Amino acid sequence: MTARTEDSTEASTEETQAPDLLYSEAEEDLRAAVRSLLDARCDAPGVIARTESATPYDPELWKALATGIGAAGLLVPEKLGGQGAGHREAAVVMEELGRRVAPVPYLTSSVVATRTLLALGGQDGPVAALLTDLATGRRTAVLAVPFSAAPGNAAPDTGTPLAALDGTLGPIADAAAADVLLVPTADGLYAVDADAPGVAVEPLVALDLTRPLATVTLSGATGTRLADTGAAREAVRAGLLSGAGLLASEQLGIAEWCLTETVGYTRERHQFNRPVGSFQSLKHRMAQLWLEVVSARAAARNAADALATGSPDAPLAVAVAQAYCSKVAVHAAEECVQLHGGIGMTWEHPAHLYLKRAKADSIAYGTAGGHRGTVAELMELPAP
């Protein structure tokens, strides 16, 4: 037998914690509760009707999800009124919301804004009070940065640099539904009430009508300073990292719904006295999509687990998940529209909601190309 080298001996003594990609019993119970709620309160005709109205959000659905199930406080410690869970549980909620393209501000408020506040480490004072309000569903908040802001930069792009609470920011997702705006400035991070004097929220025409965008204009507004510049920068980066990581779970939910609906439709739809799903070319397309969805699930679960455990590889796991899952969600939605034929092109069928959400998500919290560049940087490889 040959002697081991010193390096291999050291490597063999290192304990490597493999990511847990399976769902726990508690996570499956949470999924069942969220799915049951959405089955009862978030059907496709209702979502389509809301996108045609001036109020796409469903306050009763949000109240039931946030307070009835307690989903809004999954990331918040119990002593602050939350559930004391973590990113894995929140990822399960995101999957189910993606399956329904639910018009609720869960990603922006209960994930990104909440994680930003948690990164400030405040166990008392205004940060703790705001976290309690978010966890109990009394208020919602958004991080006032463009929806396209990526987490990988040393200083995330937060739009127009504000020397004070004056200027215009956007486009910001779910700003119209927020009670509180977390505004990064050159002086630190401020909490600004959305209905305070000097704050104007202007809706924008967005591709995804289930997650509206808006610009926020501040004109001599006042707010509560939560952190200095350095702490604010790190907190914003942590919030965006969690948002990008759990967005992959929403994209997984979108892709799974599209695949399930497409397979079901092609089994029922007949041409030439045969189900169209029996045609070899369509079988190949759906089989390929199934492989992509399975891989997307692994990537999304890995990102959620890395965030939940505080792994040093979390930025890499998130970048990999976003680089892959955004493409899969768009592909699944495109196949869903095409393989449904004429009905898939109509406004009455919900396929267009999933295509629009998938397309909008593909540039949220960084593009796939940007995340591939992050992967290359972290792995010290040539950029694609």
Protein backbone atom coordinates (compact mmCIF):
# COMPACT_ATOMS: atom_id res chain seq x y z
CA MET A 1 0.00 0.00 0.00
CA THR A 2 1.26 3.48 -0.79
CA ALA A 3 1.48 6.07 1.92
CA ARG A 4 -1.02 8.89 1.85
CA THR A 5 0.29 12.35 1.21
CA GLU A 6 0.03 14.98 3.92
CA ASP A 7 -2.56 16.90 1.92
CA SER A 8 -4.79 13.89 1.42
CA THR A 9 -4.52 12.98 5.11
CA GLU A 10 -5.65 16.46 6.09
CA ALA A 11 -8.46 16.35 3.56
CA SER A 12 -9.69 13.03 4.89
CA THR A 13 -10.00 14.44 8.40
CA GLU A 14 -12.12 17.37 7.32
CA GLU A 15 -15.81 16.98 8.00
CA THR A 16 -17.86 17.92 4.97
CA GLN A 17 -21.53 18.49 5.56
CA ALA A 18 -23.44 17.39 2.47
CA PRO A 19 -26.47 19.55 1.63
CA ASP A 20 -29.82 18.04 2.53
CA LEU A 21 -31.99 18.30 -0.58
CA LEU A 22 -34.90 16.27 0.80
CA TYR A 23 -38.03 17.77 2.35
CA SER A 24 -38.61 17.13 6.02
CA GLU A 25 -41.97 16.07 7.43
CA ALA A 26 -42.48 19.54 8.87
CA GLU A 27 -41.76 21.10 5.48
CA GLU A 28 -44.27 18.81 3.79
CA ASP A 29 -46.87 19.73 6.42
CA LEU A 30 -46.20 23.40 5.73
CA ARG A 31 -46.54 22.76 2.00
CA ALA A 32 -49.90 21.05 2.53
CA ALA A 33 -51.19 23.98 4.59
CA VAL A 34 -50.09 26.60 2.05
CA ARG A 35 -51.40 24.58 -0.89
CA SER A 36 -54.76 24.09 0.80
CA LEU A 37 -55.03 27.83 1.43
CA LEU A 38 -54.14 28.69 -2.17
CA ASP A 39 -56.55 26.08 -3.53
CA ALA A 40 -59.35 27.81 -1.62
CA ARG A 41 -58.40 31.44 -2.14
CA CYS A 42 -56.12 31.76 -5.19
CA ASP A 43 -57.65 30.12 -8.24
CA ALA A 44 -56.57 31.10 -11.76
CA PRO A 45 -59.76 32.99 -12.74
CA GLY A 46 -59.48 35.06 -9.57
CA VAL A 47 -55.85 35.95 -10.23
CA ILE A 48 -56.62 36.90 -13.84
CA ALA A 49 -59.53 39.06 -12.69
CA ARG A 50 -57.32 40.86 -10.20
CA THR A 51 -54.69 41.62 -12.85
CA GLU A 52 -57.43 43.39 -14.81
CA SER A 53 -58.36 45.53 -11.82
CA ALA A 54 -56.57 48.37 -10.08
CA THR A 55 -55.84 46.17 -7.05
CA PRO A 56 -53.92 43.03 -8.05
CA TYR A 57 -53.16 42.16 -4.44
CA ASP A 58 -55.57 40.12 -2.35
CA PRO A 59 -55.44 41.47 1.22
CA GLU A 60 -57.52 38.60 2.61
CA LEU A 61 -55.21 36.02 1.04
CA TRP A 62 -52.18 37.83 2.43
CA LYS A 63 -53.72 38.00 5.91
CA ALA A 64 -54.47 34.27 5.88
CA LEU A 65 -50.98 33.41 4.63
CA ALA A 66 -49.09 35.84 6.86
CA THR A 67 -51.01 35.47 10.11
CA GLY A 68 -53.23 32.43 9.74
CA ILE A 69 -50.41 30.11 8.68
CA GLY A 70 -47.66 32.31 10.11
CA ALA A 71 -45.63 32.25 6.90
CA ALA A 72 -44.61 35.90 7.19
CA GLY A 73 -42.51 35.18 10.27
CA LEU A 74 -40.69 32.04 9.17
CA LEU A 75 -37.29 33.77 9.13
CA VAL A 76 -37.89 35.77 12.32
CA PRO A 77 -36.87 34.43 15.78
CA GLU A 78 -39.67 33.46 18.13
CA LYS A 79 -38.76 36.13 20.67
CA LEU A 80 -39.57 38.74 18.03
CA GLY A 81 -42.92 37.20 17.20
CA GLY A 82 -41.78 34.93 14.38
CA GLN A 83 -41.71 31.19 13.84
CA GLY A 84 -37.98 30.72 14.31
CA ALA A 85 -37.74 28.57 11.17
CA GLY A 86 -35.44 29.31 8.24
CA HIS A 87 -34.84 29.54 4.52
CA ARG A 88 -35.75 25.92 3.84
CA GLU A 89 -39.27 26.44 5.14
CA ALA A 90 -39.59 29.80 3.37
CA ALA A 91 -38.45 28.09 0.16
CA VAL A 92 -41.36 25.65 0.43
CA VAL A 93 -43.76 28.59 0.67
CA MET A 94 -42.09 30.18 -2.35
CA GLU A 95 -42.56 26.98 -4.37
CA GLU A 96 -46.28 26.95 -3.67
CA LEU A 97 -46.68 30.66 -4.39
CA GLY A 98 -44.87 30.10 -7.68
CA ARG A 99 -47.28 27.31 -8.55
CA ARG A 100 -50.14 29.79 -8.25
CA VAL A 101 -48.35 32.99 -9.33
CA ALA A 102 -49.97 34.34 -6.17
CA PRO A 103 -50.21 38.15 -6.03
CA VAL A 104 -48.82 38.58 -2.52
CA PRO A 105 -45.67 40.47 -1.38
CA TYR A 106 -44.08 37.44 0.29
CA LEU A 107 -40.73 37.50 -1.52
CA THR A 108 -40.17 41.21 -1.15
CA SER A 109 -41.44 41.63 2.43
CA SER A 110 -41.10 38.30 4.25
CA VAL A 111 -37.81 37.34 2.60
CA VAL A 112 -35.78 40.27 1.26
CA ALA A 113 -36.86 43.06 3.64
CA THR A 114 -36.97 40.71 6.63
CA ARG A 115 -33.52 39.24 5.92
CA THR A 116 -32.10 42.75 5.47
CA LEU A 117 -33.37 43.72 8.93
CA LEU A 118 -32.14 40.48 10.49
CA ALA A 119 -28.67 41.14 9.10
CA LEU A 120 -28.55 44.33 11.17
CA GLY A 121 -28.63 42.15 14.28
CA GLY A 122 -31.05 44.35 16.16
CA GLN A 123 -32.66 42.56 19.11
CA ASP A 124 -34.31 45.72 20.38
CA GLY A 125 -35.10 49.22 19.21
CA PRO A 126 -36.71 50.16 15.87
CA VAL A 127 -35.25 47.18 13.96
CA ALA A 128 -36.75 44.67 16.40
CA ALA A 129 -40.08 46.50 16.46
CA LEU A 130 -40.28 46.49 12.67
CA LEU A 131 -39.33 42.81 12.50
CA THR A 132 -42.14 42.00 14.93
CA ASP A 133 -44.62 43.92 12.79
CA LEU A 134 -43.49 42.07 9.65
CA ALA A 135 -43.50 38.66 11.35
CA THR A 136 -47.04 39.08 12.68
CA GLY A 137 -48.39 40.44 9.40
CA ARG A 138 -49.29 43.84 10.79
CA ARG A 139 -47.12 45.60 8.23
CA THR A 140 -45.23 44.85 5.03
CA ALA A 141 -41.95 46.31 3.86
CA VAL A 142 -39.83 46.42 0.73
CA LEU A 143 -36.18 47.11 0.18
CA ALA A 144 -36.16 50.23 -1.99
CA VAL A 145 -33.72 49.03 -4.64
CA PRO A 146 -34.40 48.12 -8.27
CA PHE A 147 -35.90 44.65 -8.69
CA SER A 148 -32.96 43.84 -10.95
CA ALA A 149 -30.33 44.59 -8.27
CA ALA A 150 -27.96 41.62 -7.93
CA PRO A 151 -26.44 40.43 -4.62
CA GLY A 152 -23.00 39.52 -5.94
CA ASN A 153 -21.49 42.99 -6.04
CA ALA A 154 -19.46 44.37 -3.15
CA ALA A 155 -21.86 47.31 -3.17
CA PRO A 156 -25.18 46.27 -4.75
CA ASP A 157 -26.66 48.69 -7.25
CA THR A 158 -29.37 50.48 -5.30
CA GLY A 159 -30.33 52.89 -8.04
CA THR A 160 -29.89 56.63 -7.61
CA PRO A 161 -27.43 57.28 -4.73
CA LEU A 162 -29.22 59.37 -2.16
CA ALA A 163 -27.27 61.78 0.00
CA ALA A 164 -30.48 62.28 1.93
CA LEU A 165 -34.07 61.14 1.61
CA ASP A 166 -34.47 62.99 -1.67
CA GLY A 167 -34.50 61.43 -5.13
CA THR A 168 -36.17 58.77 -7.23
CA LEU A 169 -35.70 55.02 -6.89
CA GLY A 170 -37.02 52.17 -8.95
CA PRO A 171 -38.42 50.13 -10.43
CA ILE A 172 -39.25 48.53 -7.07
CA ALA A 173 -41.38 45.40 -6.85
CA ASP A 174 -44.40 45.49 -4.52
CA ALA A 175 -43.74 49.08 -3.48
CA ALA A 176 -47.43 49.86 -3.95
CA ALA A 177 -48.36 47.27 -1.33
CA ALA A 178 -45.70 48.21 1.23
CA ASP A 179 -46.29 50.02 4.49
CA VAL A 180 -42.58 50.67 5.04
CA LEU A 181 -39.73 51.40 2.61
CA LEU A 182 -36.19 50.40 3.57
CA VAL A 183 -34.16 53.06 1.80
CA PRO A 184 -30.36 52.75 1.43
CA THR A 185 -28.67 56.15 1.29
CA ALA A 186 -25.15 57.49 1.41
CA ASP A 187 -25.72 57.97 5.15
CA GLY A 188 -27.04 54.48 5.92
CA LEU A 189 -30.31 52.56 5.86
CA TYR A 190 -33.58 54.32 6.72
CA ALA A 191 -37.09 53.04 7.40
CA VAL A 192 -39.60 55.39 5.76
CA ASP A 193 -43.36 55.06 6.07
CA ALA A 194 -44.87 54.72 2.60
CA ASP A 195 -47.65 57.18 3.45
CA ALA A 196 -45.34 59.77 5.04
CA PRO A 197 -45.20 63.32 3.69
CA GLY A 198 -42.70 63.66 0.88
CA VAL A 199 -43.14 60.06 -0.34
CA ALA A 200 -44.76 59.38 -3.72
CA VAL A 201 -45.22 55.87 -5.13
CA GLU A 202 -45.96 55.85 -8.86
CA PRO A 203 -47.10 52.55 -10.43
CA LEU A 204 -45.39 51.40 -13.60
CA VAL A 205 -46.69 49.26 -16.44
CA ALA A 206 -45.08 45.90 -15.73
CA LEU A 207 -44.89 42.70 -17.76
CA ASP A 208 -45.89 40.64 -14.71
CA LEU A 209 -49.16 42.11 -13.50
CA THR A 210 -49.19 39.80 -10.45
CA ARG A 211 -46.08 41.52 -9.05
CA PRO A 212 -46.45 45.22 -9.88
CA LEU A 213 -43.52 47.60 -10.11
CA ALA A 214 -43.40 51.24 -9.07
CA THR A 215 -41.02 54.14 -8.71
CA VAL A 216 -40.58 55.85 -5.36
CA THR A 217 -39.89 59.57 -5.25
CA LEU A 218 -38.68 61.08 -1.99
CA SER A 219 -38.91 64.85 -1.51
CA GLY A 220 -37.62 65.88 1.88
CA ALA A 221 -39.05 62.76 3.48
CA THR A 222 -38.21 61.78 7.03
CA GLY A 223 -37.42 58.30 8.32
CA THR A 224 -35.79 56.31 11.08
CA ARG A 225 -32.09 55.59 10.62
CA LEU A 226 -31.54 51.87 11.19
CA ALA A 227 -27.84 51.45 10.35
CA ASP A 228 -24.74 53.29 9.21
CA THR A 229 -23.32 53.00 5.71
CA GLY A 230 -21.13 49.93 6.28
CA ALA A 231 -23.77 47.91 8.12
CA ALA A 232 -26.41 48.97 5.60
CA ARG A 233 -24.30 47.75 2.68
CA GLU A 234 -23.82 44.32 4.25
CA ALA A 235 -27.49 44.08 5.23
CA VAL A 236 -28.67 44.96 1.71
CA ARG A 237 -26.34 42.37 0.24
CA ALA A 238 -27.67 39.72 2.66
CA GLY A 239 -31.26 40.60 1.79
CA LEU A 240 -30.63 40.40 -1.94
CA LEU A 241 -28.77 37.10 -1.55
CA SER A 242 -31.73 35.55 0.26
CA GLY A 243 -34.09 36.99 -2.31
CA ALA A 244 -32.13 35.56 -5.23
CA GLY A 245 -31.78 32.19 -3.51
CA LEU A 246 -35.46 31.78 -2.72
CA LEU A 247 -36.53 33.22 -6.06
CA ALA A 248 -35.12 29.97 -7.47
CA SER A 249 -37.76 28.10 -5.46
CA GLU A 250 -40.49 30.27 -6.96
CA GLN A 251 -39.09 29.53 -10.41
CA LEU A 252 -39.14 25.83 -9.55
CA GLY A 253 -42.82 26.10 -8.61
CA ILE A 254 -43.58 27.85 -11.90
CA ALA A 255 -41.80 25.15 -13.89
CA GLU A 256 -43.48 22.30 -12.00
CA TRP A 257 -46.96 23.73 -12.58
CA CYS A 258 -46.27 24.27 -16.27
CA LEU A 259 -44.98 20.71 -16.71
CA THR A 260 -47.89 19.15 -14.80
CA GLU A 261 -50.51 21.14 -16.70
CA THR A 262 -48.89 20.43 -20.05
CA VAL A 263 -48.68 16.69 -19.47
CA GLY A 264 -52.30 16.61 -18.32
CA TYR A 265 -53.51 18.59 -21.32
CA THR A 266 -51.63 16.51 -23.90
CA ARG A 267 -53.17 13.36 -22.42
CA GLU A 268 -56.68 14.75 -22.89
CA ARG A 269 -56.28 16.57 -26.20
CA HIS A 270 -56.84 14.27 -29.20
CA GLN A 271 -55.79 14.59 -32.83
CA PHE A 272 -56.17 11.88 -35.45
CA ASN A 273 -58.06 9.90 -32.81
CA ARG A 274 -54.98 9.79 -30.56
CA PRO A 275 -53.87 11.81 -27.51
CA VAL A 276 -51.36 14.38 -28.73
CA GLY A 277 -49.14 13.39 -25.84
CA SER A 278 -48.58 10.05 -27.51
CA PHE A 279 -46.75 11.69 -30.42
CA GLN A 280 -43.05 10.92 -30.19
CA SER A 281 -41.85 14.50 -30.73
CA LEU A 282 -44.00 15.81 -27.87
CA LYS A 283 -42.90 12.96 -25.61
CA HIS A 284 -39.29 13.98 -26.15
CA ARG A 285 -40.01 17.62 -25.37
CA MET A 286 -41.81 16.83 -22.14
CA ALA A 287 -39.20 14.28 -21.09
CA GLN A 288 -36.48 16.89 -21.60
CA LEU A 289 -38.47 19.40 -19.60
CA TRP A 290 -38.93 16.88 -16.78
CA LEU A 291 -35.15 16.41 -16.59
CA GLU A 292 -34.68 20.16 -16.40
CA VAL A 293 -37.27 20.51 -13.63
CA VAL A 294 -35.64 17.75 -11.57
CA SER A 295 -32.26 19.49 -11.90
CA ALA A 296 -33.84 22.83 -11.02
CA ARG A 297 -35.26 21.30 -7.85
CA ALA A 298 -31.80 20.15 -6.81
CA ALA A 299 -30.30 23.59 -7.49
CA ALA A 300 -33.08 25.45 -5.67
CA ARG A 301 -32.99 23.13 -2.66
CA ASN A 302 -29.21 23.42 -2.47
CA ALA A 303 -29.46 27.21 -2.40
CA ALA A 304 -32.15 27.15 0.30
CA ASP A 305 -30.15 24.70 2.41
CA ALA A 306 -26.95 26.76 2.06
CA LEU A 307 -28.79 29.90 3.18
CA ALA A 308 -30.45 28.04 6.06
CA THR A 309 -27.18 26.65 7.39
CA GLY A 310 -25.18 29.82 6.85
CA SER A 311 -22.78 27.95 4.58
CA PRO A 312 -19.79 29.92 3.28
CA ASP A 313 -20.70 28.49 -0.13
CA ALA A 314 -24.12 30.18 -0.06
CA PRO A 315 -23.18 32.85 -2.66
CA LEU A 316 -22.03 30.11 -5.02
CA ALA A 317 -25.12 27.97 -4.41
CA VAL A 318 -27.40 30.96 -5.01
CA ALA A 319 -25.58 31.96 -8.19
CA VAL A 320 -25.78 28.41 -9.56
CA ALA A 321 -29.48 28.17 -8.72
CA GLN A 322 -30.32 31.47 -10.37
CA ALA A 323 -28.18 30.80 -13.43
CA TYR A 324 -30.08 27.55 -14.01
CA CYS A 325 -33.59 27.92 -12.57
CA SER A 326 -34.47 31.15 -14.36
CA LYS A 327 -33.84 29.49 -17.72
CA VAL A 328 -35.85 26.39 -16.78
CA ALA A 329 -38.86 28.44 -15.64
CA VAL A 330 -38.95 30.39 -18.91
CA HIS A 331 -38.54 27.23 -20.98
CA ALA A 332 -41.30 25.43 -19.07
CA ALA A 333 -43.68 28.38 -19.47
CA GLU A 334 -42.94 28.65 -23.19
CA GLU A 335 -43.58 24.93 -23.68
CA CYS A 336 -46.79 25.24 -21.67
CA VAL A 337 -48.11 27.97 -23.96
CA GLN A 338 -47.04 26.21 -27.17
CA LEU A 339 -48.21 22.70 -26.30
CA HIS A 340 -51.61 23.97 -25.18
CA GLY A 341 -52.16 25.12 -28.74
CA GLY A 342 -54.76 27.79 -29.37
CA ILE A 343 -56.16 27.79 -25.83
CA GLY A 344 -52.70 28.51 -24.45
CA MET A 345 -52.63 31.81 -26.36
CA THR A 346 -55.84 33.13 -24.81
CA TRP A 347 -56.21 35.53 -21.90
CA GLU A 348 -58.66 33.18 -20.17
CA HIS A 349 -56.07 30.42 -19.78
CA PRO A 350 -53.53 31.10 -16.99
CA ALA A 351 -50.48 30.02 -19.05
CA HIS A 352 -49.69 33.64 -19.90
CA LEU A 353 -49.45 34.49 -16.20
CA TYR A 354 -46.70 31.92 -15.75
CA LEU A 355 -44.81 33.02 -18.85
CA LYS A 356 -44.89 36.65 -17.72
CA ARG A 357 -43.84 35.78 -14.16
CA ALA A 358 -41.02 33.56 -15.46
CA LYS A 359 -39.79 36.28 -17.83
CA ALA A 360 -39.93 38.94 -15.11
CA ASP A 361 -38.16 36.66 -12.63
CA SER A 362 -35.38 35.96 -15.13
CA ILE A 363 -34.01 39.47 -14.64
CA ALA A 364 -34.88 39.84 -10.94
CA TYR A 365 -32.00 40.00 -8.47
CA GLY A 366 -29.54 39.63 -11.32
CA THR A 367 -29.70 38.02 -14.74
CA ALA A 368 -28.65 34.44 -15.47
CA GLY A 369 -25.62 35.79 -17.32
CA GLY A 370 -24.65 37.90 -14.34
CA HIS A 371 -24.93 34.93 -12.01
CA ARG A 372 -22.83 32.81 -14.37
CA GLY A 373 -20.19 35.52 -14.11
CA THR A 374 -20.42 35.27 -10.32
CA VAL A 375 -19.94 31.50 -10.49
CA ALA A 376 -16.86 31.99 -12.67
CA GLU A 377 -15.44 34.57 -10.27
CA LEU A 378 -16.04 32.44 -7.18
CA MET A 379 -14.55 29.36 -8.82
CA GLU A 380 -11.66 31.34 -10.37
CA LEU A 381 -12.66 30.33 -13.88
CA PRO A 382 -12.71 32.37 -17.09
CA ALA A 383 -15.92 34.36 -17.30
CA PRO A 384 -18.45 33.04 -19.85
